Structures are given as structure tokens and as C-alpha cells.
Amino acid sequence: MGRKRTFAARRQRDLKKKSWFREYGESIIIAFIIAMVVRTFVIQAFKIPSGSMEPTLLIGDHLLVSKFSYGIRIPYRVFGIYLPGGGTTLIPVSSPKRGDVVVFVFPEDHSKDFIKRVIGLPGETIEIMGKKIFVNGKQIADPWGVYRGQQAGLIGQIQEHFGPVKVPPNAYFMMGDNRNHSYDSRFWGFVNKRFIEGKALILYWSWDYLAQGLTHKVRWNRIGRVIH
């Protein structure tokens, strides 16, 4: 009788242990699935590796990008895996507007993400003369552009006079805010809408990698800034 009770108690403990492991495992799997759904369709974190968007975005800024600002869509790629029909919009919400800061798949290398500002919309004719931007023959306000120094050679020529070029349907003309130091649509062309991954929302962290005497210096005054 004692042996039966001992066996029953041991079996009960084993079942509880298995139940605990199963519950714990299921929680991890569910959490992972939720995180994947959020990252794929809702919001994703990105960091800034270059100065092409200065002073709006600095090297070392970490930002959150809304994946659904322009609609629910099939991701172009997930963890480096390219998906069939990637970039197709399933439920449209809105379209990128002039002035939006967006993250997109770089047209010349689909393994890279770029971040620039939308300047030209589908069907518009873009021309740049000096520091002035013309859309359909009319100069537009450009409160975002900053011109620091001057690049020589072909880059300098393009900055002096670019266009006119017409933006194709479902495509956008992108420029970095740091105009004299940005590799953008002036050099590699337009960005198809299906390559746009989302709209930049807010800075959640910022490191100053170049701070003298420190390995990293936190830019506390930038954390929480909404990106315009």
C-alpha cells in the first residue's frame, strides 16, 4: 500500500513538472509569435548609421518606425528572407506625403534599409537648382534641407542642377536632409511604394559614438523626440 502511494505521489509530481514545462514553453512560443507579428506588421526599431539625415537624425539615434501608417502589407522580407508578393498592400490606410521620413528597402541592394525624406510624389516633375526645389515648375518650401560644405565632381554638379525628372506611378523621390552629404534619389533614382517599410515616428534612444573621452555618451535630450 505504501509503495502504491509513493508511486502515485511521484507520478503526480512528474505530471505537475511536465505541466509547468509545457505551460512555460507555450508562453514563450506565444510571446515570440506576438513579437513577430508586432515587428512585421505594427512597429519596428531601427538605428541610424550615417549622417545623411542630419540634423534631423544623428548617427547613433535609435527610432521606432510605424509599419502600418501606410496600410497593412505583406513584408518585403523577414529576417533576410524575401517573401512572395512582398510589399503588396492588403489594407490601404494612406500614402506617403511630402515631408514624411520613411524607411525603405534600398533599390540597389535589397539587403539594406535606407531612411530618407519624401520630396517627390507619383506623377510629379522634380527639378533642383542650387538650394531650391521645384515641383511641377513651382518652387516648394523646404524647411528640412541643410547644406554643409560642397562636394566636388559629379556630386557637386548634381547638387547644382538636377532634373527635371518625372516621378513614375507608385514611386517616390527621396532626399536626405543633409543635402550635400546624402546618397539619395538624385543618384540612384526612385523608390517604388512596395519597398517602403514604414514611417519614422519617435526616437527611443540615442548614443553619441564620437563623444570625446567616452566610449558612448547618451543624448538624453533627444530621447522621446517625435520625428518631423
C-alpha atoms as a PDB file:
ATOM      1  CA  MET A   1       0.000   0.000   0.000  1.00  0.00           C
ATOM      2  CA  GLY A   2       2.844   2.369   0.897  1.00  0.00           C
ATOM      3  CA  ARG A   3       4.583   1.655  -2.398  1.00  0.00           C
ATOM      4  CA  LYS A   4       1.414   2.485  -4.339  1.00  0.00           C
ATOM      5  CA  ARG A   5       1.082   5.808  -2.534  1.00  0.00           C
ATOM      6  CA  THR A   6       4.751   6.608  -3.153  1.00  0.00           C
ATOM      7  CA  PHE A   7       4.374   5.767  -6.847  1.00  0.00           C
ATOM      8  CA  ALA A   8       1.163   7.815  -7.122  1.00  0.00           C
ATOM      9  CA  ALA A   9       2.777  10.816  -5.412  1.00  0.00           C
ATOM     10  CA  ARG A  10       5.839  10.579  -7.646  1.00  0.00           C
ATOM     11  CA  ARG A  11       3.639  10.351 -10.742  1.00  0.00           C
ATOM     12  CA  GLN A  12       1.663  13.371  -9.571  1.00  0.00           C
ATOM     13  CA  ARG A  13       4.897  15.379  -9.150  1.00  0.00           C
ATOM     14  CA  ASP A  14       6.070  14.330 -12.638  1.00  0.00           C
ATOM     15  CA  LEU A  15       2.766  15.412 -14.162  1.00  0.00           C
ATOM     16  CA  LYS A  16       2.953  18.783 -12.407  1.00  0.00           C
ATOM     17  CA  LYS A  17       6.531  19.211 -13.608  1.00  0.00           C
ATOM     18  CA  LYS A  18       5.592  18.379 -17.186  1.00  0.00           C
ATOM     19  CA  SER A  19       2.591  20.653 -16.956  1.00  0.00           C
ATOM     20  CA  TRP A  20       4.827  23.507 -15.725  1.00  0.00           C
ATOM     21  CA  PHE A  21       7.336  22.987 -18.534  1.00  0.00           C
ATOM     22  CA  ARG A  22       4.527  22.799 -21.084  1.00  0.00           C
ATOM     23  CA  GLU A  23       2.888  25.962 -19.782  1.00  0.00           C
ATOM     24  CA  TYR A  24       6.212  27.790 -19.697  1.00  0.00           C
ATOM     25  CA  GLY A  25       7.066  26.631 -23.217  1.00  0.00           C
ATOM     26  CA  GLU A  26       3.675  27.645 -24.582  1.00  0.00           C
ATOM     27  CA  SER A  27       4.051  31.098 -23.020  1.00  0.00           C
ATOM     28  CA  ILE A  28       7.436  31.561 -24.706  1.00  0.00           C
ATOM     29  CA  ILE A  29       6.053  30.455 -28.078  1.00  0.00           C
ATOM     30  CA  ILE A  30       3.030  32.746 -27.794  1.00  0.00           C
ATOM     31  CA  ALA A  31       5.219  35.683 -26.754  1.00  0.00           C
ATOM     32  CA  PHE A  32       7.537  35.015 -29.712  1.00  0.00           C
ATOM     33  CA  ILE A  33       4.615  34.880 -32.146  1.00  0.00           C
ATOM     34  CA  ILE A  34       3.190  38.140 -30.785  1.00  0.00           C
ATOM     35  CA  ALA A  35       6.606  39.809 -31.022  1.00  0.00           C
ATOM     36  CA  MET A  36       6.972  38.623 -34.624  1.00  0.00           C
ATOM     37  CA  VAL A  37       3.518  39.918 -35.565  1.00  0.00           C
ATOM     38  CA  VAL A  38       4.228  43.301 -33.942  1.00  0.00           C
ATOM     39  CA  ARG A  39       7.651  43.573 -35.605  1.00  0.00           C
ATOM     40  CA  THR A  40       6.311  42.508 -39.007  1.00  0.00           C
ATOM     41  CA  PHE A  41       3.055  44.443 -39.185  1.00  0.00           C
ATOM     42  CA  VAL A  42       2.977  47.096 -36.451  1.00  0.00           C
ATOM     43  CA  ILE A  43       6.257  48.665 -35.343  1.00  0.00           C
ATOM     44  CA  GLN A  44       9.980  48.024 -35.714  1.00  0.00           C
ATOM     45  CA  ALA A  45      13.160  49.514 -34.295  1.00  0.00           C
ATOM     46  CA  PHE A  46      15.906  50.931 -36.497  1.00  0.00           C
ATOM     47  CA  LYS A  47      19.192  52.740 -35.838  1.00  0.00           C
ATOM     48  CA  ILE A  48      20.917  55.486 -37.807  1.00  0.00           C
ATOM     49  CA  PRO A  49      24.373  54.544 -39.160  1.00  0.00           C
ATOM     50  CA  SER A  50      25.178  57.645 -41.239  1.00  0.00           C
ATOM     51  CA  GLY A  51      24.857  61.424 -41.211  1.00  0.00           C
ATOM     52  CA  SER A  52      22.747  61.782 -44.372  1.00  0.00           C
ATOM     53  CA  MET A  53      19.691  62.902 -42.382  1.00  0.00           C
ATOM     54  CA  GLU A  54      21.448  65.373 -40.072  1.00  0.00           C
ATOM     55  CA  PRO A  55      20.398  67.417 -38.204  1.00  0.00           C
ATOM     56  CA  THR A  56      17.007  65.675 -38.070  1.00  0.00           C
ATOM     57  CA  LEU A  57      18.589  62.298 -37.304  1.00  0.00           C
ATOM     58  CA  LEU A  58      22.089  61.777 -35.935  1.00  0.00           C
ATOM     59  CA  ILE A  59      24.452  58.823 -36.069  1.00  0.00           C
ATOM     60  CA  GLY A  60      23.574  56.676 -33.068  1.00  0.00           C
ATOM     61  CA  ASP A  61      19.884  57.602 -32.954  1.00  0.00           C
ATOM     62  CA  HIS A  62      17.537  54.669 -32.392  1.00  0.00           C
ATOM     63  CA  LEU A  63      13.996  55.114 -33.640  1.00  0.00           C
ATOM     64  CA  LEU A  64      10.666  53.361 -33.919  1.00  0.00           C
ATOM     65  CA  VAL A  65       9.045  53.015 -37.324  1.00  0.00           C
ATOM     66  CA  SER A  66       5.326  52.502 -37.831  1.00  0.00           C
ATOM     67  CA  LYS A  67       4.746  49.593 -40.224  1.00  0.00           C
ATOM     68  CA  PHE A  68       1.025  50.290 -40.639  1.00  0.00           C
ATOM     69  CA  SER A  69       0.999  54.069 -41.265  1.00  0.00           C
ATOM     70  CA  TYR A  70       0.511  53.410 -44.972  1.00  0.00           C
ATOM     71  CA  GLY A  71      -1.530  50.241 -44.632  1.00  0.00           C
ATOM     72  CA  ILE A  72      -1.349  46.554 -43.741  1.00  0.00           C
ATOM     73  CA  ARG A  73       1.010  44.917 -46.183  1.00  0.00           C
ATOM     74  CA  ILE A  74       2.988  41.772 -46.828  1.00  0.00           C
ATOM     75  CA  PRO A  75       6.559  42.486 -45.647  1.00  0.00           C
ATOM     76  CA  TYR A  76       9.134  42.613 -48.422  1.00  0.00           C
ATOM     77  CA  ARG A  77      11.434  40.458 -46.317  1.00  0.00           C
ATOM     78  CA  VAL A  78      11.553  38.977 -42.818  1.00  0.00           C
ATOM     79  CA  PHE A  79      14.948  38.230 -41.216  1.00  0.00           C
ATOM     80  CA  GLY A  80      16.574  38.347 -44.633  1.00  0.00           C
ATOM     81  CA  ILE A  81      14.020  36.014 -46.223  1.00  0.00           C
ATOM     82  CA  TYR A  82      12.243  37.515 -49.244  1.00  0.00           C
ATOM     83  CA  LEU A  83       8.535  36.749 -49.239  1.00  0.00           C
ATOM     84  CA  PRO A  84       6.337  36.020 -52.284  1.00  0.00           C
ATOM     85  CA  GLY A  85       4.269  39.108 -53.020  1.00  0.00           C
ATOM     86  CA  GLY A  86       6.408  41.127 -50.605  1.00  0.00           C
ATOM     87  CA  GLY A  87       5.419  44.779 -50.415  1.00  0.00           C
ATOM     88  CA  THR A  88       1.844  44.163 -51.552  1.00  0.00           C
ATOM     89  CA  THR A  89      -0.655  46.304 -49.643  1.00  0.00           C
ATOM     90  CA  LEU A  90      -3.529  44.251 -48.251  1.00  0.00           C
ATOM     91  CA  ILE A  91      -5.452  47.024 -46.482  1.00  0.00           C
ATOM     92  CA  PRO A  92      -4.563  50.573 -47.603  1.00  0.00           C
ATOM     93  CA  VAL A  93      -4.600  53.294 -44.942  1.00  0.00           C
ATOM     94  CA  SER A  94      -2.819  56.261 -46.521  1.00  0.00           C
ATOM     95  CA  SER A  95       0.035  57.140 -48.865  1.00  0.00           C
ATOM     96  CA  PRO A  96       3.383  58.777 -48.100  1.00  0.00           C
ATOM     97  CA  LYS A  97       3.223  62.576 -48.103  1.00  0.00           C
ATOM     98  CA  ARG A  98       5.858  65.142 -48.930  1.00  0.00           C
ATOM     99  CA  GLY A  99       7.968  65.670 -45.823  1.00  0.00           C
ATOM    100  CA  ASP A 100       7.434  62.196 -44.350  1.00  0.00           C
ATOM    101  CA  VAL A 101      10.593  60.496 -43.091  1.00  0.00           C
ATOM    102  CA  VAL A 102      10.425  56.880 -44.224  1.00  0.00           C
ATOM    103  CA  VAL A 103      12.443  53.669 -44.040  1.00  0.00           C
ATOM    104  CA  PHE A 104      12.633  51.657 -47.255  1.00  0.00           C
ATOM    105  CA  VAL A 105      14.441  48.797 -48.918  1.00  0.00           C
ATOM    106  CA  PHE A 106      17.386  50.264 -50.828  1.00  0.00           C
ATOM    107  CA  PRO A 107      16.614  49.763 -54.554  1.00  0.00           C
ATOM    108  CA  GLU A 108      20.249  48.982 -55.443  1.00  0.00           C
ATOM    109  CA  ASP A 109      20.781  46.444 -52.645  1.00  0.00           C
ATOM    110  CA  HIS A 110      17.680  44.783 -51.220  1.00  0.00           C
ATOM    111  CA  SER A 111      19.579  43.563 -48.178  1.00  0.00           C
ATOM    112  CA  LYS A 112      19.911  47.149 -46.899  1.00  0.00           C
ATOM    113  CA  ASP A 113      17.454  49.610 -45.382  1.00  0.00           C
ATOM    114  CA  PHE A 114      17.685  53.354 -46.047  1.00  0.00           C
ATOM    115  CA  ILE A 115      15.962  56.258 -44.337  1.00  0.00           C
ATOM    116  CA  LYS A 116      15.233  59.491 -46.235  1.00  0.00           C
ATOM    117  CA  ARG A 117      12.585  62.177 -46.586  1.00  0.00           C
ATOM    118  CA  VAL A 118       9.840  62.055 -49.217  1.00  0.00           C
ATOM    119  CA  ILE A 119      10.240  65.011 -51.593  1.00  0.00           C
ATOM    120  CA  GLY A 120       8.544  63.982 -54.841  1.00  0.00           C
ATOM    121  CA  LEU A 121       5.202  62.180 -55.178  1.00  0.00           C
ATOM    122  CA  PRO A 122       3.950  59.927 -58.024  1.00  0.00           C
ATOM    123  CA  GLY A 123       3.442  61.827 -61.270  1.00  0.00           C
ATOM    124  CA  GLU A 124       5.251  64.992 -60.146  1.00  0.00           C
ATOM    125  CA  THR A 125       8.114  66.588 -62.064  1.00  0.00           C
ATOM    126  CA  ILE A 126      11.113  67.374 -59.859  1.00  0.00           C
ATOM    127  CA  GLU A 127      13.866  69.855 -60.618  1.00  0.00           C
ATOM    128  CA  ILE A 128      16.587  71.138 -58.274  1.00  0.00           C
ATOM    129  CA  MET A 129      18.533  74.324 -58.936  1.00  0.00           C
ATOM    130  CA  GLY A 130      21.065  75.268 -56.291  1.00  0.00           C
ATOM    131  CA  LYS A 131      19.255  75.061 -52.975  1.00  0.00           C
ATOM    132  CA  LYS A 132      15.797  75.394 -54.486  1.00  0.00           C
ATOM    133  CA  ILE A 133      13.407  72.515 -55.218  1.00  0.00           C
ATOM    134  CA  PHE A 134      10.763  72.876 -57.918  1.00  0.00           C
ATOM    135  CA  VAL A 135       7.736  70.609 -58.221  1.00  0.00           C
ATOM    136  CA  ASN A 136       5.795  70.857 -61.479  1.00  0.00           C
ATOM    137  CA  GLY A 137       7.628  74.099 -62.216  1.00  0.00           C
ATOM    138  CA  LYS A 138       6.849  75.797 -58.890  1.00  0.00           C
ATOM    139  CA  GLN A 139       9.277  76.249 -56.014  1.00  0.00           C
ATOM    140  CA  ILE A 140       8.220  74.480 -52.831  1.00  0.00           C
ATOM    141  CA  ALA A 141       9.019  75.311 -49.234  1.00  0.00           C
ATOM    142  CA  ASP A 142      11.923  73.205 -47.994  1.00  0.00           C
ATOM    143  CA  PRO A 143      12.312  73.676 -44.236  1.00  0.00           C
ATOM    144  CA  TRP A 144      14.192  70.367 -43.909  1.00  0.00           C
ATOM    145  CA  GLY A 145      17.203  70.830 -46.201  1.00  0.00           C
ATOM    146  CA  VAL A 146      20.593  71.712 -44.719  1.00  0.00           C
ATOM    147  CA  TYR A 147      23.644  72.440 -46.890  1.00  0.00           C
ATOM    148  CA  ARG A 148      27.040  71.894 -45.278  1.00  0.00           C
ATOM    149  CA  GLY A 149      30.133  72.302 -47.393  1.00  0.00           C
ATOM    150  CA  GLN A 150      30.221  71.393 -51.057  1.00  0.00           C
ATOM    151  CA  GLN A 151      31.022  68.129 -52.776  1.00  0.00           C
ATOM    152  CA  ALA A 152      33.260  68.180 -55.841  1.00  0.00           C
ATOM    153  CA  GLY A 153      32.964  66.407 -59.176  1.00  0.00           C
ATOM    154  CA  LEU A 154      29.766  64.661 -60.254  1.00  0.00           C
ATOM    155  CA  ILE A 155      28.141  65.044 -56.828  1.00  0.00           C
ATOM    156  CA  GLY A 156      28.683  68.791 -56.934  1.00  0.00           C
ATOM    157  CA  GLN A 157      27.276  69.034 -60.466  1.00  0.00           C
ATOM    158  CA  ILE A 158      24.135  67.127 -59.500  1.00  0.00           C
ATOM    159  CA  GLN A 159      23.606  69.315 -56.463  1.00  0.00           C
ATOM    160  CA  GLU A 160      23.980  72.446 -58.586  1.00  0.00           C
ATOM    161  CA  HIS A 161      21.334  71.408 -61.108  1.00  0.00           C
ATOM    162  CA  PHE A 162      19.310  68.201 -61.144  1.00  0.00           C
ATOM    163  CA  GLY A 163      16.429  67.274 -63.411  1.00  0.00           C
ATOM    164  CA  PRO A 164      13.802  67.821 -64.447  1.00  0.00           C
ATOM    165  CA  VAL A 165      12.668  64.224 -63.895  1.00  0.00           C
ATOM    166  CA  LYS A 166       9.155  62.838 -63.639  1.00  0.00           C
ATOM    167  CA  VAL A 167       8.346  60.503 -60.759  1.00  0.00           C
ATOM    168  CA  PRO A 168       6.794  57.265 -62.099  1.00  0.00           C
ATOM    169  CA  PRO A 169       3.427  55.941 -60.845  1.00  0.00           C
ATOM    170  CA  ASN A 170       3.601  54.273 -57.409  1.00  0.00           C
ATOM    171  CA  ALA A 171       7.090  55.683 -56.819  1.00  0.00           C
ATOM    172  CA  TYR A 172       8.685  58.452 -54.732  1.00  0.00           C
ATOM    173  CA  PHE A 173      11.665  60.796 -54.947  1.00  0.00           C
ATOM    174  CA  MET A 174      13.720  60.722 -51.728  1.00  0.00           C
ATOM    175  CA  MET A 175      16.342  63.087 -50.341  1.00  0.00           C
ATOM    176  CA  GLY A 176      18.427  63.227 -47.188  1.00  0.00           C
ATOM    177  CA  ASP A 177      18.155  66.384 -45.090  1.00  0.00           C
ATOM    178  CA  ASN A 178      21.962  66.756 -45.128  1.00  0.00           C
ATOM    179  CA  ARG A 179      21.776  67.610 -48.822  1.00  0.00           C
ATOM    180  CA  ASN A 180      25.486  67.899 -49.636  1.00  0.00           C
ATOM    181  CA  HIS A 181      26.236  64.566 -47.969  1.00  0.00           C
ATOM    182  CA  SER A 182      23.327  62.316 -48.912  1.00  0.00           C
ATOM    183  CA  TYR A 183      23.288  59.418 -51.354  1.00  0.00           C
ATOM    184  CA  ASP A 184      19.655  59.589 -52.448  1.00  0.00           C
ATOM    185  CA  SER A 185      17.243  59.665 -55.415  1.00  0.00           C
ATOM    186  CA  ARG A 186      19.475  62.181 -57.200  1.00  0.00           C
ATOM    187  CA  PHE A 187      21.935  59.325 -57.719  1.00  0.00           C
ATOM    188  CA  TRP A 188      20.028  56.024 -57.780  1.00  0.00           C
ATOM    189  CA  GLY A 189      16.513  57.003 -58.832  1.00  0.00           C
ATOM    190  CA  PHE A 190      13.074  56.432 -57.363  1.00  0.00           C
ATOM    191  CA  VAL A 191      11.650  54.210 -54.624  1.00  0.00           C
ATOM    192  CA  ASN A 192       8.701  52.017 -55.508  1.00  0.00           C
ATOM    193  CA  LYS A 193       5.900  52.116 -52.938  1.00  0.00           C
ATOM    194  CA  ARG A 194       6.226  48.388 -52.267  1.00  0.00           C
ATOM    195  CA  PHE A 195       9.767  48.990 -50.955  1.00  0.00           C
ATOM    196  CA  ILE A 196       8.603  51.463 -48.290  1.00  0.00           C
ATOM    197  CA  GLU A 197       8.654  49.721 -44.916  1.00  0.00           C
ATOM    198  CA  GLY A 198       7.171  52.405 -42.705  1.00  0.00           C
ATOM    199  CA  LYS A 199       7.110  55.939 -41.354  1.00  0.00           C
ATOM    200  CA  ALA A 200       9.617  57.105 -38.727  1.00  0.00           C
ATOM    201  CA  LEU A 201       7.805  58.041 -35.506  1.00  0.00           C
ATOM    202  CA  ILE A 202       9.921  58.689 -32.431  1.00  0.00           C
ATOM    203  CA  LEU A 203      13.440  58.433 -31.011  1.00  0.00           C
ATOM    204  CA  TYR A 204      13.579  55.975 -28.132  1.00  0.00           C
ATOM    205  CA  TRP A 205      17.360  56.068 -27.595  1.00  0.00           C
ATOM    206  CA  SER A 206      20.440  57.952 -28.781  1.00  0.00           C
ATOM    207  CA  TRP A 207      24.168  57.296 -28.400  1.00  0.00           C
ATOM    208  CA  ASP A 208      26.902  59.770 -29.293  1.00  0.00           C
ATOM    209  CA  TYR A 209      29.608  57.424 -30.565  1.00  0.00           C
ATOM    210  CA  LEU A 210      32.030  60.293 -31.228  1.00  0.00           C
ATOM    211  CA  ALA A 211      31.925  61.811 -27.743  1.00  0.00           C
ATOM    212  CA  GLN A 212      35.457  62.662 -26.658  1.00  0.00           C
ATOM    213  CA  GLY A 213      36.758  60.744 -23.651  1.00  0.00           C
ATOM    214  CA  LEU A 214      33.740  58.445 -23.568  1.00  0.00           C
ATOM    215  CA  THR A 215      33.000  55.217 -25.380  1.00  0.00           C
ATOM    216  CA  HIS A 216      29.328  56.152 -25.602  1.00  0.00           C
ATOM    217  CA  LYS A 217      27.534  59.225 -24.399  1.00  0.00           C
ATOM    218  CA  VAL A 218      23.762  59.193 -24.025  1.00  0.00           C
ATOM    219  CA  ARG A 219      21.988  62.088 -25.721  1.00  0.00           C
ATOM    220  CA  TRP A 220      19.286  62.402 -23.079  1.00  0.00           C
ATOM    221  CA  ASN A 221      17.777  65.488 -24.707  1.00  0.00           C
ATOM    222  CA  ARG A 222      16.924  63.510 -27.861  1.00  0.00           C
ATOM    223  CA  ILE A 223      15.111  60.592 -26.251  1.00  0.00           C
ATOM    224  CA  GLY A 224      11.377  60.797 -26.816  1.00  0.00           C
ATOM    225  CA  ARG A 225      11.557  63.258 -29.724  1.00  0.00           C
ATOM    226  CA  VAL A 226       8.861  62.909 -32.364  1.00  0.00           C
ATOM    227  CA  ILE A 227      10.384  62.822 -35.846  1.00  0.00           C
ATOM    228  CA  HIS A 228       9.194  65.534 -38.232  1.00  0.00           C
END
